[in-house]
Amino acid sequence: MIVCLCHNVSTGDIAREAAGCCSFESLQEQTMVGMSCGACVSCARDTFHEHKADQPDSGESLVPAFLTQAAAHV
């Protein structure tokens, strides 16, 4: 579904970009979603947060603990 008509940004685009964005504002910088008329901001923000909720917390490491512990001893 197209969320932002001004910049042709879809829910799929938001889902893909959410993985690499730490905030909704960084998503806006990457996709320009909500940067023109602003009518899509609420839907885009909700979609972004739905997809971020499916990912590990930003404080949670994606590197297994045994690798970080081994690196600390090198």
Protein backbone atom coordinates (compact mmCIF):
# COMPACT_ATOMS: atom_id res chain seq x y z
CA MET A 1 0.00 0.00 0.00
CA ILE A 2 1.25 3.47 -0.85
CA VAL A 3 1.55 5.56 2.31
CA CYS A 4 3.07 8.74 0.89
CA LEU A 5 1.67 9.82 -2.47
CA CYS A 6 4.01 12.81 -2.71
CA HIS A 7 7.14 10.63 -2.65
CA ASN A 8 5.64 7.24 -3.67
CA VAL A 9 6.64 5.51 -0.41
CA SER A 10 4.90 2.22 0.36
CA THR A 11 4.47 0.18 3.54
CA GLY A 12 7.03 -2.23 2.06
CA ASP A 13 9.54 0.62 1.63
CA ILE A 14 9.02 1.63 5.25
CA ALA A 15 9.41 -1.97 6.44
CA ARG A 16 12.70 -2.36 4.53
CA GLU A 17 14.12 0.97 5.66
CA ALA A 18 13.04 0.53 9.31
CA ALA A 19 15.82 -2.02 9.84
CA GLY A 20 18.49 0.58 9.19
CA CYS A 21 16.82 3.58 10.80
CA CYS A 22 17.08 4.35 14.50
CA SER A 23 14.21 6.86 14.46
CA PHE A 24 11.23 7.99 12.43
CA GLU A 25 13.16 11.15 11.59
CA SER A 26 15.99 9.12 10.06
CA LEU A 27 13.38 7.19 8.04
CA GLN A 28 12.12 10.54 6.76
CA GLU A 29 15.65 11.53 5.73
CA GLN A 30 16.06 8.26 3.82
CA THR A 31 12.65 8.12 2.11
CA MET A 32 11.26 11.68 2.28
CA VAL A 33 8.02 10.21 3.69
CA GLY A 34 5.89 12.92 5.25
CA MET A 35 8.20 15.70 4.12
CA SER A 36 5.84 17.44 1.69
CA CYS A 37 2.15 17.81 2.51
CA GLY A 38 2.37 15.83 5.78
CA ALA A 39 -0.93 13.97 5.34
CA CYS A 40 0.81 10.58 5.64
CA VAL A 41 2.89 11.24 8.77
CA SER A 42 0.56 9.46 11.20
CA CYS A 43 0.24 6.33 9.04
CA ALA A 44 3.95 6.32 8.18
CA ARG A 45 4.94 6.71 11.84
CA ASP A 46 2.60 3.88 12.89
CA THR A 47 3.97 1.63 10.14
CA PHE A 48 7.55 2.44 11.14
CA HIS A 49 6.92 1.63 14.81
CA GLU A 50 5.11 -1.62 13.93
CA HIS A 51 8.17 -2.81 12.03
CA LYS A 52 10.64 -1.57 14.65
CA ALA A 53 8.71 -3.55 17.29
CA ASP A 54 9.45 -6.73 15.31
CA GLN A 55 13.21 -6.08 15.57
CA PRO A 56 15.55 -6.55 18.54
CA ASP A 57 15.82 -3.60 20.91
CA SER A 58 18.48 -1.12 19.89
CA GLY A 59 20.41 -2.01 23.05
CA GLU A 60 20.31 -5.71 22.25
CA SER A 61 23.40 -6.92 20.46
CA LEU A 62 23.03 -8.98 17.31
CA VAL A 63 26.49 -10.48 17.98
CA PRO A 64 26.46 -13.67 20.07
CA ALA A 65 27.83 -13.12 23.58
CA PHE A 66 30.62 -15.69 23.16
CA LEU A 67 32.05 -13.67 20.25
CA THR A 68 32.06 -10.40 22.16
CA GLN A 69 33.65 -12.09 25.17
CA ALA A 70 36.33 -13.68 22.98
CA ALA A 71 37.08 -10.34 21.32
CA ALA A 72 37.53 -8.71 24.72
CA HIS A 73 40.32 -11.17 25.52
CA VAL A 74 42.28 -10.58 22.30
